Amino acid sequence: MRKPRDFDAELKALQDKTKALKENKVRQLGELVTATGADAIGVEILAGALLAASDTTDAATKEAWRERGEGFFQSKTRKAPRKAGRDASSAAPGTSGPASG
């Protein structure tokens, strides 16, 4: 006769795995903020920039940001954090300022 499955144990294992994956994601996001030098700016500014990015619907702007991010990850010199004073030059290529949704 087959051993019955322990659904409670399987569910607990899945919940533990989900929690570990979420914790890993949060840790990686924190590492990304630090690696980009964004930890040098205020949290309100960072939150505002992230909100603006998530609200942006312009495909060209998103593609420019994606390409810039891809370049960041492919760069071998990304270990040095960026300077916080690069506001004007840090806009995505092809944009003249903050994206307005």
C-alpha atoms as a PDB file:
ATOM      1  CA  MET A   1       0.000   0.000   0.000  1.00  0.00           C
ATOM      2  CA  ARG A   2       1.209   3.513  -0.853  1.00  0.00           C
ATOM      3  CA  LYS A   3       2.138   5.970   1.832  1.00  0.00           C
ATOM      4  CA  PRO A   4      -0.360   8.858   1.952  1.00  0.00           C
ATOM      5  CA  ARG A   5       0.970  12.306   1.057  1.00  0.00           C
ATOM      6  CA  ASP A   6       1.472  14.736   3.881  1.00  0.00           C
ATOM      7  CA  PHE A   7      -0.159  17.811   2.353  1.00  0.00           C
ATOM      8  CA  ASP A   8       0.471  19.908   5.447  1.00  0.00           C
ATOM      9  CA  ALA A   9       4.200  19.237   5.298  1.00  0.00           C
ATOM     10  CA  GLU A  10       4.293  19.957   1.550  1.00  0.00           C
ATOM     11  CA  LEU A  11       2.380  23.203   2.035  1.00  0.00           C
ATOM     12  CA  LYS A  12       4.729  24.237   4.853  1.00  0.00           C
ATOM     13  CA  ALA A  13       7.751  23.494   2.650  1.00  0.00           C
ATOM     14  CA  LEU A  14       6.277  25.600  -0.174  1.00  0.00           C
ATOM     15  CA  GLN A  15       5.537  28.456   2.213  1.00  0.00           C
ATOM     16  CA  ASP A  16       9.105  28.325   3.530  1.00  0.00           C
ATOM     17  CA  LYS A  17      10.464  28.346  -0.016  1.00  0.00           C
ATOM     18  CA  THR A  18       8.227  31.327  -0.932  1.00  0.00           C
ATOM     19  CA  LYS A  19       9.431  33.243   2.117  1.00  0.00           C
ATOM     20  CA  ALA A  20      13.073  32.523   1.262  1.00  0.00           C
ATOM     21  CA  LEU A  21      12.570  33.667  -2.341  1.00  0.00           C
ATOM     22  CA  LYS A  22      10.920  36.916  -1.200  1.00  0.00           C
ATOM     23  CA  GLU A  23      13.745  37.583   1.266  1.00  0.00           C
ATOM     24  CA  ASN A  24      16.300  36.936  -1.480  1.00  0.00           C
ATOM     25  CA  LYS A  25      14.498  39.361  -3.803  1.00  0.00           C
ATOM     26  CA  VAL A  26      14.495  42.105  -1.160  1.00  0.00           C
ATOM     27  CA  ARG A  27      18.188  41.538  -0.453  1.00  0.00           C
ATOM     28  CA  GLN A  28      19.030  41.695  -4.173  1.00  0.00           C
ATOM     29  CA  LEU A  29      17.055  44.935  -4.574  1.00  0.00           C
ATOM     30  CA  GLY A  30      19.012  46.427  -1.693  1.00  0.00           C
ATOM     31  CA  GLU A  31      22.274  45.315  -3.274  1.00  0.00           C
ATOM     32  CA  LEU A  32      21.175  46.897  -6.563  1.00  0.00           C
ATOM     33  CA  VAL A  33      20.433  50.211  -4.856  1.00  0.00           C
ATOM     34  CA  THR A  34      23.888  50.146  -3.281  1.00  0.00           C
ATOM     35  CA  ALA A  35      25.688  49.035  -6.464  1.00  0.00           C
ATOM     36  CA  THR A  36      24.143  51.847  -8.512  1.00  0.00           C
ATOM     37  CA  GLY A  37      25.017  54.449  -5.905  1.00  0.00           C
ATOM     38  CA  ALA A  38      21.337  55.219  -5.332  1.00  0.00           C
ATOM     39  CA  ASP A  39      21.854  54.741  -1.614  1.00  0.00           C
ATOM     40  CA  ALA A  40      23.519  58.170  -1.620  1.00  0.00           C
ATOM     41  CA  ILE A  41      20.259  59.935  -2.467  1.00  0.00           C
ATOM     42  CA  GLY A  42      17.327  60.470  -0.136  1.00  0.00           C
ATOM     43  CA  VAL A  43      14.732  57.754   0.194  1.00  0.00           C
ATOM     44  CA  GLU A  44      11.978  60.184  -0.809  1.00  0.00           C
ATOM     45  CA  ILE A  45      13.802  60.983  -4.065  1.00  0.00           C
ATOM     46  CA  LEU A  46      14.480  57.316  -4.738  1.00  0.00           C
ATOM     47  CA  ALA A  47      10.853  56.412  -4.062  1.00  0.00           C
ATOM     48  CA  GLY A  48       9.688  59.238  -6.334  1.00  0.00           C
ATOM     49  CA  ALA A  49      11.990  58.113  -9.132  1.00  0.00           C
ATOM     50  CA  LEU A  50      10.806  54.521  -8.830  1.00  0.00           C
ATOM     51  CA  LEU A  51       7.174  55.632  -8.832  1.00  0.00           C
ATOM     52  CA  ALA A  52       7.773  57.750 -11.933  1.00  0.00           C
ATOM     53  CA  ALA A  53       9.468  54.795 -13.630  1.00  0.00           C
ATOM     54  CA  SER A  54       6.609  52.443 -12.777  1.00  0.00           C
ATOM     55  CA  ASP A  55       4.046  54.990 -14.018  1.00  0.00           C
ATOM     56  CA  THR A  56       5.834  55.609 -17.321  1.00  0.00           C
ATOM     57  CA  THR A  57       4.008  54.223 -20.339  1.00  0.00           C
ATOM     58  CA  ASP A  58       6.386  55.553 -23.023  1.00  0.00           C
ATOM     59  CA  ALA A  59       7.938  52.498 -24.649  1.00  0.00           C
ATOM     60  CA  ALA A  60      10.940  54.419 -26.002  1.00  0.00           C
ATOM     61  CA  THR A  61      11.814  55.725 -22.546  1.00  0.00           C
ATOM     62  CA  LYS A  62      11.495  52.265 -21.013  1.00  0.00           C
ATOM     63  CA  GLU A  63      13.668  50.774 -23.759  1.00  0.00           C
ATOM     64  CA  ALA A  64      16.350  53.415 -23.165  1.00  0.00           C
ATOM     65  CA  TRP A  65      16.272  52.624 -19.437  1.00  0.00           C
ATOM     66  CA  ARG A  66      16.430  48.900 -20.162  1.00  0.00           C
ATOM     67  CA  GLU A  67      19.465  49.343 -22.415  1.00  0.00           C
ATOM     68  CA  ARG A  68      21.180  51.478 -19.811  1.00  0.00           C
ATOM     69  CA  GLY A  69      20.471  48.877 -17.131  1.00  0.00           C
ATOM     70  CA  GLU A  70      21.729  46.107 -19.354  1.00  0.00           C
ATOM     71  CA  GLY A  71      24.927  48.085 -19.896  1.00  0.00           C
ATOM     72  CA  PHE A  72      25.283  48.491 -16.140  1.00  0.00           C
ATOM     73  CA  PHE A  73      25.112  44.745 -15.574  1.00  0.00           C
ATOM     74  CA  GLN A  74      27.523  44.032 -18.415  1.00  0.00           C
ATOM     75  CA  SER A  75      30.009  46.651 -17.222  1.00  0.00           C
ATOM     76  CA  LYS A  76      33.067  45.365 -15.459  1.00  0.00           C
ATOM     77  CA  THR A  77      33.584  48.708 -13.714  1.00  0.00           C
ATOM     78  CA  ARG A  78      30.234  48.853 -11.952  1.00  0.00           C
ATOM     79  CA  LYS A  79      31.797  48.181  -8.561  1.00  0.00           C
ATOM     80  CA  ALA A  80      32.440  51.899  -8.056  1.00  0.00           C
ATOM     81  CA  PRO A  81      29.190  53.629  -7.052  1.00  0.00           C
ATOM     82  CA  ARG A  82      28.018  56.519  -9.194  1.00  0.00           C
ATOM     83  CA  LYS A  83      28.272  60.055  -7.958  1.00  0.00           C
ATOM     84  CA  ALA A  84      25.019  61.423  -6.533  1.00  0.00           C
ATOM     85  CA  GLY A  85      25.476  64.793  -8.273  1.00  0.00           C
ATOM     86  CA  ARG A  86      24.880  63.467 -11.788  1.00  0.00           C
ATOM     87  CA  ASP A  87      21.186  64.398 -11.874  1.00  0.00           C
ATOM     88  CA  ALA A  88      21.147  66.198 -15.238  1.00  0.00           C
ATOM     89  CA  SER A  89      23.375  63.724 -17.050  1.00  0.00           C
ATOM     90  CA  SER A  90      21.705  60.659 -15.586  1.00  0.00           C
ATOM     91  CA  ALA A  91      18.526  61.063 -17.640  1.00  0.00           C
ATOM     92  CA  ALA A  92      17.944  58.257 -20.097  1.00  0.00           C
ATOM     93  CA  PRO A  93      19.227  58.843 -23.637  1.00  0.00           C
ATOM     94  CA  GLY A  94      16.647  60.586 -25.745  1.00  0.00           C
ATOM     95  CA  THR A  95      14.888  62.197 -22.799  1.00  0.00           C
ATOM     96  CA  SER A  96      15.149  65.781 -21.709  1.00  0.00           C
ATOM     97  CA  GLY A  97      14.127  65.331 -18.106  1.00  0.00           C
ATOM     98  CA  PRO A  98      11.807  63.421 -15.824  1.00  0.00           C
ATOM     99  CA  ALA A  99       9.271  61.320 -17.628  1.00  0.00           C
ATOM    100  CA  SER A 100       5.736  62.525 -17.200  1.00  0.00           C
ATOM    101  CA  GLY A 101       3.662  59.440 -17.500  1.00  0.00           C
END
